[in-house]
Structures are given as C-alpha cells and as structure tokens.
Amino acid sequence: MAPPTPRLVVPIDVKKSPWEQKLPIHNRWHPHIPPVAEVTEGEVFRVEMLDCVGGRVGDNNSAEDIKFVDASISHCLSGPLRVLDTKGVPAKPGDLLVVEICNLGPLLGNEWGFTATLDRDNGGGFLTDHFPCATKAIWYFEGIYAYSPNIPGVRFPGLTHPGVVGTAPSMELLQTWNEREKKLVETDIRSVKLSEVVHQRPVAHLPNTRNCLLGKVKEGTLEWEKIANEAARTIPGRENGGNCDIKNLSTGSKVYLPVFVEGANLSTGDMHFSQGDGEITFCGAIEMSGFLELKCEIIRGGMKEYLTPMGPTPLHVNPIFEIGPVEPRFSEWLVFEGISVDEEGRQHFLDATLAFKRAVLNAIDYLSKFGYSKEQVYILLSCCPCEGRISGIVDTPNALATLAIPTSIFDQDIRPKSGKVPAGPQVLKRLPDVLKSTYDGDLPITQNPSKDI
C-alpha cells in the first residue's frame, strides 16, 4: 500500500500576518516556548512557513519596504514540534535528532521571492561600507528556475532550502549564549572590527521584547515578559543549528541535531529558493514563503556518541549536515580570488573575512564590465548558486578566499578574451536596474581606489 500523504502539522496563510496564523509562530529560541504540534518518528509530515520577515516585503516596484523594514521580527519560525518515538516516548536531552528533508518548495500561488540589501543604518550587509542603500530585486519562479525583471539576462536553477532548522536550547545553554554574546557587545568595538568591514553592523543581537513572538505564550503576561527578556534572537547559527544558511541543505538532505530539551522542540523557517555561499547582502537569498516535508529519527544517546564538545561543557557541540543527492549541475565556473589586503593596500594577517570581501569585490567589478550595475551584481552574488571557499589559511600573511560563479547562468559569455571586453546588444546597460532607496545616514563610505563603486 502506498504511504499516506504527508500530514500537515503547521499550516500558513500568506494573506495573514505572523500574529494571525492558525498556529502561533515564534521568532526567538527558548526552552519554555510550548510545542504547537507533535510528530512521530518515521512519519512524513508537512510544515509551511512565512518568509523571514513575515510578509512585510511586497512584490512591487519600490525598495521603501526594505529601507524601513523592522528586522527585529526575523525569523518567523514554524513550530516548535515535539518529536516522539513510535512508542510515544519523547526525544530526550542527549539524543540526536535526525531530520530528513523529503520534499520542499514555494507555497502554491505564491511562487515569487525577493533578495535585498538593508540600509546601512538598519543592519546593512557584508559590503555595507560600499553599498549603504537599501535595494531589492524581485524573482519569479518557473519550476526549478528563477529569473528577475530587475537583473535581466540571468536565469538559474534554485537549490531550495530552509535557512533555519534547529532544536530548542536548554536553560543552561541559553544562559551560555546570552552571557558570551553580552560580553562581546560590551567589548570595545575597536577591538572586534573585522577589516573595517563589519564594525558598523551590530556585533551581536541580545534578547529584547520588540516584535517578540513566543508562540502559545500569551503576550502581556508575566510569563511572556520573563521569557521575552531571556529568549535568544534567531540571527546567528549556534549549537542548536538554527540560522546556518547552508544552501546545500535541500531535497534528500539530513540534519543531525543535538537534543537539549524533552521532545527536542524542532523549529524551522526562513525558506530560500536559492542562495550563494555567504548570503552576502544579509537579506540575501531569494527569500520566500514555502513548505518542508520532513521525516525524523531519534538516535538515543547520540550526542555523546557522535558529537565531540568543543568547549567547557557537553553542550558545546554543533550539528552535522548530510548533503542530499539533488543539486544543479554546472560544468564551467569563473573563479575570483581575494587576499587579506584591504582597499587602502594595508596588509592584514590571515584575515579570511577580508580575503572573501576582496574576492566578492573583484567579482562585482569584473561583472560590471558586461553591462550590469554593481548593485545588480552584489544582489546576484548573494542569491545565485555561487560557491565560496577559504582556499588557503596557512600561508602567512595572506588568507586566500575564492568565489566561483557558474558561467551558464548568464545569457552572454563572461570569460576573458583577447582584445577589449565585447560590445554589442547583449552587453548594453542592463535595464531596469534593481530597485533602490536613498541612504540618508552619515556613516563613512568606502570607495574603490581604482574605480568608484
């Protein structure tokens, strides 16, 4: 007999706000956020999700919604889900939860997404010192392919995946997160800046009550106030998995997540139609609403057996990801290198962040020779299936990073050739451009010495 249709455990109505959903969503990590449903080991179940900002960005011709978006709502997560074995016994702390992605995609009737750069004063992105303005590109889906009217001449298959998959932390682990991130925030900012790239962005996101969603916990109660002031933001990936943004976590993949609380309390969200390694613009995948069809397995005592703590307690572990067998096939790539020397020519010691920044800047400047604006290329490199690597980290003083771009996603040949860059109809300025807002702040902007960006 054929297996049953996957059971819908978390439905989503994209026409309603995060606060109006049938099952309440959450956007914080805390062990006391109650589960909204139960799932059983071995069953295939379906979870639907809003996009990362809960539908606050529209399919329109303006970047104003990006400029003024309140990023404190991110991420809108579906769950938590209490996971039981076939005998009805919940997952226990110390177990390993295996989550297999059986199927995924956009929600029916909502086959579009967006990629954006936030305003520099609203969080910015990896290159916020070069690109301070809020920008946006809309993407439409044709089966497995995405195209954008804002970046003409580009079409590529998406490697669709959830940006966030994680289990709830224990109170001990949550306190560890909050203490170490608070120490970072309280550190002299001049001592933690990286290559003068990210020092204008928040170094960490501490608990706060603004736009805090705690699922079934009723706002206005003493319980809500207590949890909201303790609960961790979902911005970074941590020991529980969370916002890891691994683009290869797609159909057929498995995640081996540590269990810290009874039932595991599995949550997921932040669906991406496609993403480049690094998600460099920050709101930088093709963000969309979507669904996952999942199957779970519980490995009893699996944390101790398979995960080695890299810290002072058994809680200092990290998940394992198994890449699935389905991904786009590309045979030709153009690869850009970067080293740890900044825009003023200053040498930095084995700085992989700066090396990757240089690789991205080199790719942006190069591709702009083929008719694209630099903003178009910046957004494209954030969401197309490009591959970033730390290619060298031992040869002092330079770290070496690379960014590989599949050449077949373009409707023109972008490889270097003898003579000048080709000219002709395909290499004319690509119009329309990405949607842009103005930057009204006064933070300093970095200029490329050889050519303004």
Foldseek 3Di string as FASTA:
>chain_A
DDDDDAAEQADDDLVDFQPPGPFHWFFFFAPPLDWREEDEFPGKHKHWAFWFLGNQDDPDQFLVSQAPRQNQQGGGKDTQYQYAYPVRFTFAFLKKKKKAFAAKDFDPPFFKFKFWFYALLRFGWQQCLQVRWIFMWIWGDDDQKIDTLQQPQFMDGALKDFQFKFFHAYLVVLVVVQVVLVVVQPPDLVVPDALVGCSSGRPADHQDQVNGTRTPDDPPDPVSVVCSNRTGGQLDQAQGGGRNRDSLCHHGKMKTGGAHHTSRRIMTHNIASFWEPPLGSSSAARIHIMMTTIHMDIGPSVLVVPWDAPDDDSSRTHMDMGGGPDDDDFDDKDKFKFKQADLVRHHAALRVSRRVVRRLVVVLVLVVQQQEDSVSSNNCNGYHHKYKDQPARPPPRITMIMIIDRQVRGPDGSDDDPDDDDDDDRRHHSPPHIHIDDRPDDDNHDARVVHGD
